[in-house]
N, C-alpha and C. Protein backbone atom coordinates (compact mmCIF):
# COMPACT_ATOMS: atom_id res chain seq x y z
N MET A 1 53.26 15.33 -17.03
CA MET A 1 53.14 13.85 -16.61
C MET A 1 54.25 14.37 -16.26
N LYS A 2 54.39 13.71 -14.75
CA LYS A 2 55.48 13.36 -14.16
C LYS A 2 56.37 12.02 -14.24
N SER A 3 57.77 12.79 -13.97
CA SER A 3 58.32 11.47 -14.00
C SER A 3 58.69 10.32 -13.55
N VAL A 4 58.88 9.31 -13.25
CA VAL A 4 59.46 8.19 -12.32
C VAL A 4 60.20 9.25 -11.21
N ALA A 5 61.28 9.10 -11.46
CA ALA A 5 61.76 10.50 -10.52
C ALA A 5 61.05 11.36 -9.44
N GLU A 6 60.21 11.53 -10.46
CA GLU A 6 59.97 12.88 -9.46
C GLU A 6 58.63 11.49 -9.11
N ARG A 7 57.89 11.04 -9.04
CA ARG A 7 56.97 10.39 -7.90
C ARG A 7 57.83 9.69 -7.13
N LYS A 8 59.09 9.29 -7.84
CA LYS A 8 59.77 8.43 -6.41
C LYS A 8 60.29 9.62 -5.26
N ALA A 9 60.36 11.11 -5.73
CA ALA A 9 60.82 11.92 -4.92
C ALA A 9 59.56 12.01 -3.68
N GLN A 10 58.56 12.83 -4.49
CA GLN A 10 57.38 12.38 -4.10
C GLN A 10 57.22 11.26 -3.01
N LEU A 11 56.98 10.53 -3.30
CA LEU A 11 55.98 8.99 -2.11
C LEU A 11 57.76 9.21 -1.15
N GLU A 12 58.85 9.64 -1.82
CA GLU A 12 59.96 9.77 -0.40
C GLU A 12 59.89 10.75 0.67
N ALA A 13 59.24 11.87 0.46
CA ALA A 13 58.67 13.17 1.27
C ALA A 13 58.00 13.12 1.96
N ARG A 14 57.03 12.02 1.11
CA ARG A 14 55.28 11.11 2.20
C ARG A 14 56.37 10.68 3.02
N LEU A 15 56.79 9.70 3.11
CA LEU A 15 57.46 8.89 3.24
C LEU A 15 58.01 9.61 4.70
N ALA A 16 58.86 10.32 4.96
CA ALA A 16 59.72 10.87 5.83
C ALA A 16 58.12 11.85 6.83
N VAL A 17 57.58 12.29 5.93
CA VAL A 17 56.05 13.13 6.83
C VAL A 17 55.73 11.68 7.81
N LEU A 18 55.45 11.02 7.15
CA LEU A 18 54.78 9.62 8.00
C LEU A 18 55.27 9.69 9.31
N GLN A 19 56.67 8.96 8.79
CA GLN A 19 57.52 8.28 10.05
C GLN A 19 57.70 9.69 11.27
N SER A 20 58.01 11.06 10.81
CA SER A 20 57.74 11.71 11.51
C SER A 20 56.44 11.96 12.58
N ARG A 21 55.57 11.70 11.66
CA ARG A 21 54.18 11.86 12.75
C ARG A 21 54.06 10.84 13.38
N ILE A 22 54.70 9.43 13.11
CA ILE A 22 54.48 8.10 13.88
C ILE A 22 55.39 8.55 15.56
N GLU A 23 56.31 9.18 14.93
CA GLU A 23 57.38 9.39 16.13
C GLU A 23 56.96 10.46 17.37
N THR A 24 56.27 11.48 16.61
CA THR A 24 55.50 12.17 17.29
C THR A 24 54.11 11.63 18.37
N ILE A 25 53.77 10.84 17.63
CA ILE A 25 52.41 10.04 18.56
C ILE A 25 53.09 8.97 19.39
N GLY A 26 54.05 8.23 18.90
CA GLY A 26 54.84 7.44 19.78
C GLY A 26 55.34 8.22 21.62
N GLY A 27 55.98 9.75 20.62
CA GLY A 27 56.40 10.25 22.19
C GLY A 27 54.65 10.87 23.18
N GLU A 28 54.33 11.77 22.20
CA GLU A 28 52.63 11.83 22.81
C GLU A 28 52.17 10.67 24.15
N LEU A 29 52.52 9.41 23.25
CA LEU A 29 51.40 8.10 23.99
C LEU A 29 52.51 7.61 25.43
N LEU A 30 53.46 8.19 25.45
CA LEU A 30 54.59 7.89 26.25
C LEU A 30 54.85 9.62 27.66
N SER A 31 54.00 10.48 26.97
CA SER A 31 54.21 12.02 27.78
C SER A 31 52.93 11.97 28.89
N HIS A 32 52.26 11.16 29.05
CA HIS A 32 50.56 10.80 30.25
C HIS A 32 51.73 10.49 31.75
N ASP A 33 51.17 11.43 32.29
CA ASP A 33 51.22 11.05 33.83
C ASP A 33 50.50 11.72 34.59
N SER A 34 48.95 11.61 34.15
CA SER A 34 47.95 12.25 34.98
C SER A 34 47.44 11.37 35.71
N ARG A 35 47.32 11.71 37.26
CA ARG A 35 46.57 11.14 38.40
C ARG A 35 45.63 11.34 38.61
N ASP A 36 44.11 12.03 37.69
CA ASP A 36 43.89 12.18 38.20
C ASP A 36 42.37 11.22 37.23
N TRP A 37 41.66 10.79 37.69
CA TRP A 37 41.01 9.24 36.95
C TRP A 37 40.16 9.86 35.99
N GLU A 38 39.89 11.15 36.22
CA GLU A 38 38.62 12.01 34.89
C GLU A 38 39.69 12.29 33.94
N GLU A 39 40.66 12.82 33.95
CA GLU A 39 41.91 13.57 33.11
C GLU A 39 42.42 11.91 32.32
N LEU A 40 43.33 11.20 33.03
CA LEU A 40 42.92 9.70 32.57
C LEU A 40 42.32 9.17 31.87
N ALA A 41 41.35 9.39 32.05
CA ALA A 41 39.71 8.63 30.97
C ALA A 41 39.71 9.64 29.47
N ILE A 42 40.56 10.54 29.88
CA ILE A 42 40.49 11.78 28.40
C ILE A 42 41.27 11.56 27.60
N GLU A 43 42.48 11.27 28.74
CA GLU A 43 44.31 10.94 27.68
C GLU A 43 43.76 9.31 26.81
N ARG A 44 42.86 8.56 28.03
CA ARG A 44 42.64 7.21 26.89
C ARG A 44 42.29 7.46 25.44
N GLU A 45 40.80 7.74 25.83
CA GLU A 45 40.59 8.16 24.61
C GLU A 45 41.82 8.99 23.48
N ASP A 46 42.41 10.20 24.13
CA ASP A 46 42.99 10.53 22.81
C ASP A 46 43.83 9.81 22.48
N ASP A 47 44.51 8.99 23.34
CA ASP A 47 45.66 7.86 23.15
C ASP A 47 44.93 6.53 21.95
N GLN A 48 43.87 6.45 21.87
CA GLN A 48 42.85 6.07 20.84
C GLN A 48 42.74 6.54 19.83
N MET A 49 42.53 7.85 19.43
CA MET A 49 42.32 8.51 18.45
C MET A 49 44.04 8.81 18.05
N LEU A 50 44.98 8.89 18.41
CA LEU A 50 46.39 8.61 18.15
C LEU A 50 46.67 7.47 17.59
N GLU A 51 46.27 6.56 18.74
CA GLU A 51 47.03 4.93 18.12
C GLU A 51 46.61 4.69 16.58
N ASP A 52 45.48 5.42 16.17
CA ASP A 52 44.71 5.00 15.04
C ASP A 52 45.03 5.40 13.77
N LEU A 53 45.43 7.00 14.57
CA LEU A 53 46.33 7.80 13.28
C LEU A 53 48.14 6.94 12.75
N GLY A 54 48.41 6.76 14.11
CA GLY A 54 49.58 6.01 14.11
C GLY A 54 49.88 4.50 12.86
N GLN A 55 48.25 4.20 13.34
CA GLN A 55 48.21 2.93 12.62
C GLN A 55 47.76 3.24 11.35
N SER A 56 47.27 4.35 10.52
CA SER A 56 46.77 4.38 9.21
C SER A 56 48.19 5.16 8.72
N ALA A 57 48.70 6.09 9.57
CA ALA A 57 50.28 6.04 9.25
C ALA A 57 51.49 5.35 9.00
N GLN A 58 51.01 4.17 8.99
CA GLN A 58 51.91 2.43 9.33
C GLN A 58 51.06 1.99 7.63
N ASN A 59 50.07 2.21 7.51
CA ASN A 59 49.70 1.71 6.63
C ASN A 59 50.03 2.53 5.41
N GLU A 60 49.75 3.91 5.31
CA GLU A 60 50.16 4.27 4.10
C GLU A 60 51.62 4.06 3.51
N MET A 61 52.64 4.14 4.94
CA MET A 61 53.82 3.64 4.59
C MET A 61 54.23 2.22 4.16
N ARG A 62 53.85 1.16 4.38
CA ARG A 62 54.08 -0.27 4.07
C ARG A 62 53.34 0.06 2.74
N MET A 63 52.18 1.05 1.85
CA MET A 63 52.23 0.94 0.10
C MET A 63 53.24 2.50 -0.46
N ILE A 64 54.02 2.78 0.34
CA ILE A 64 54.87 3.91 -0.47
C ILE A 64 56.10 2.73 -0.29
N ALA A 65 56.76 1.82 0.35
CA ALA A 65 57.59 1.05 0.69
C ALA A 65 57.72 0.47 -1.06
N ALA A 66 56.13 -0.20 -0.79
CA ALA A 66 56.13 -1.34 -2.25
C ALA A 66 55.90 -0.43 -3.16
N ALA A 67 55.40 0.39 -3.29
CA ALA A 67 55.61 1.36 -4.15
C ALA A 67 57.39 1.66 -4.84
N LEU A 68 58.14 2.46 -3.71
CA LEU A 68 59.30 2.70 -3.71
C LEU A 68 60.17 0.88 -4.47
N GLU A 69 59.58 0.00 -3.85
CA GLU A 69 60.00 -1.08 -4.85
C GLU A 69 59.57 -2.05 -6.29
N ARG A 70 58.58 -1.37 -5.97
CA ARG A 70 57.68 -0.95 -7.75
C ARG A 70 58.49 0.11 -8.86
N ILE A 71 59.87 0.64 -8.35
CA ILE A 71 59.87 1.72 -8.94
C ILE A 71 61.32 1.29 -9.03
N GLU A 72 62.42 0.23 -7.89
CA GLU A 72 63.21 -0.05 -8.07
C GLU A 72 63.21 -1.12 -9.28
N ALA A 73 62.03 -2.14 -9.29
CA ALA A 73 62.06 -3.26 -10.15
C ALA A 73 60.86 -2.96 -11.64
N GLY A 74 61.05 -1.27 -11.79
CA GLY A 74 60.77 -0.81 -12.93
C GLY A 74 59.15 -1.37 -13.71
N GLU A 75 58.38 -1.50 -12.18
CA GLU A 75 56.93 -1.98 -12.54
C GLU A 75 56.32 -0.88 -12.17
N TYR A 76 56.90 0.81 -11.57
CA TYR A 76 55.90 0.92 -11.24
C TYR A 76 55.32 1.87 -11.89
N GLY A 77 54.29 2.01 -12.11
CA GLY A 77 52.92 3.03 -12.32
C GLY A 77 51.79 2.26 -13.68
N TYR A 78 52.21 0.73 -13.50
CA TYR A 78 51.59 -0.19 -14.00
C TYR A 78 50.93 -0.99 -13.15
N CYS A 79 49.32 -1.17 -13.34
CA CYS A 79 48.54 -2.34 -12.82
C CYS A 79 49.05 -3.98 -12.84
N ALA A 80 49.59 -3.78 -11.04
CA ALA A 80 49.75 -5.05 -10.53
C ALA A 80 48.97 -6.46 -10.71
N TYR A 81 47.89 -5.94 -11.04
CA TYR A 81 46.76 -7.10 -11.55
C TYR A 81 46.92 -6.80 -13.23
N CYS A 82 46.07 -6.46 -13.69
CA CYS A 82 46.42 -6.62 -15.39
C CYS A 82 47.11 -5.94 -16.32
N GLY A 83 49.05 -4.88 -15.89
CA GLY A 83 49.71 -4.89 -16.05
C GLY A 83 49.60 -3.34 -17.37
N GLU A 84 48.24 -2.98 -17.15
CA GLU A 84 47.95 -1.77 -17.98
C GLU A 84 49.01 -0.88 -16.93
N PRO A 85 49.12 0.75 -18.04
CA PRO A 85 49.42 1.50 -17.48
C PRO A 85 48.69 1.92 -16.04
N ILE A 86 48.61 2.81 -15.26
CA ILE A 86 47.72 3.64 -14.82
C ILE A 86 47.32 4.50 -14.74
N ALA A 87 46.60 5.07 -14.53
CA ALA A 87 45.93 6.90 -15.48
C ALA A 87 46.60 7.76 -14.50
N GLU A 88 47.25 9.13 -15.21
CA GLU A 88 48.17 10.08 -14.46
C GLU A 88 47.69 10.86 -13.40
N SER A 89 46.34 10.74 -13.97
CA SER A 89 45.73 11.43 -12.73
C SER A 89 45.27 10.29 -11.14
N ARG A 90 45.68 8.92 -11.36
CA ARG A 90 45.24 8.38 -10.43
C ARG A 90 46.57 8.33 -9.62
N LEU A 91 47.57 8.03 -10.04
CA LEU A 91 48.75 8.34 -9.52
C LEU A 91 48.85 9.80 -8.72
N ASP A 92 48.49 10.82 -9.29
CA ASP A 92 48.34 11.94 -8.99
C ASP A 92 47.89 12.24 -7.36
N LEU A 93 46.60 11.19 -7.39
CA LEU A 93 45.83 11.28 -6.18
C LEU A 93 46.30 10.34 -4.76
N LEU A 94 47.17 9.48 -5.89
CA LEU A 94 47.42 7.77 -5.05
C LEU A 94 48.68 7.63 -5.32
N PRO A 95 49.62 8.36 -5.43
CA PRO A 95 51.09 7.70 -5.92
C PRO A 95 51.37 6.42 -5.15
N GLY A 96 50.60 5.88 -4.37
CA GLY A 96 51.34 4.45 -4.06
C GLY A 96 50.61 3.17 -5.04
N THR A 97 49.08 3.57 -5.38
CA THR A 97 48.05 2.51 -5.76
C THR A 97 49.24 1.69 -7.09
N PRO A 98 48.76 0.17 -6.62
CA PRO A 98 49.61 -0.68 -7.59
C PRO A 98 48.26 -0.79 -8.75
N PHE A 99 47.10 -0.64 -8.46
CA PHE A 99 46.38 -0.30 -9.33
C PHE A 99 45.56 0.68 -10.43
N CYS A 100 45.22 0.14 -11.23
CA CYS A 100 44.21 0.72 -12.27
C CYS A 100 42.69 1.16 -11.34
N SER A 101 42.13 1.81 -11.49
CA SER A 101 40.67 1.91 -11.27
C SER A 101 39.88 1.04 -11.22
N ASP A 102 39.88 0.15 -12.26
CA ASP A 102 39.35 -0.57 -12.66
C ASP A 102 39.03 -2.18 -11.55
N HIS A 103 40.61 -2.01 -11.45
CA HIS A 103 40.83 -3.49 -10.31
C HIS A 103 41.09 -2.90 -9.43
N ALA A 104 41.09 -1.53 -8.93
CA ALA A 104 40.87 -1.08 -7.59
C ALA A 104 39.66 -1.33 -6.82
N ARG A 105 38.88 -1.15 -7.87
CA ARG A 105 37.29 -1.29 -7.58
C ARG A 105 37.28 -3.03 -7.59
N ALA A 106 37.61 -3.39 -8.29
CA ALA A 106 37.50 -5.19 -7.90
C ALA A 106 38.04 -5.40 -6.55
N ALA A 107 39.34 -5.05 -5.91
CA ALA A 107 40.01 -5.11 -5.20
C ALA A 107 39.18 -4.93 -3.85
N ASP A 108 37.76 -3.52 -3.83
CA ASP A 108 37.75 -3.47 -2.96
C ASP A 108 36.36 -4.22 -2.48
N ARG A 109 35.96 -4.90 -3.41
CA ARG A 109 34.63 -5.35 -3.57
C ARG A 109 35.25 -7.23 -2.81
N HIS A 110 36.25 -7.27 -2.75
CA HIS A 110 36.70 -8.53 -2.08
C HIS A 110 37.38 -8.25 -0.88
């Protein structure tokens, strides 16, 4: 069973990875200078994929920031809906999750 301090360190490490990824994506998006229309079209397709990856990283960063706030408030590891402890195995897979398995499924349906 991981301690809250270990979970916090894990979340902070993941946040650093995501921040680096977003910086890399931003640099890549600004680096295009192709004059060839065909190459430019391919670059635009690549840009869309990079933007999607960046959006995904930003969403995960928001989840991590919220989890870190729950840690500071002493609420981490408890379902935001029912208040019951979140299973350790679920936190291992999704350390930023605010919901137990039952309420995560219910939230997905809405």
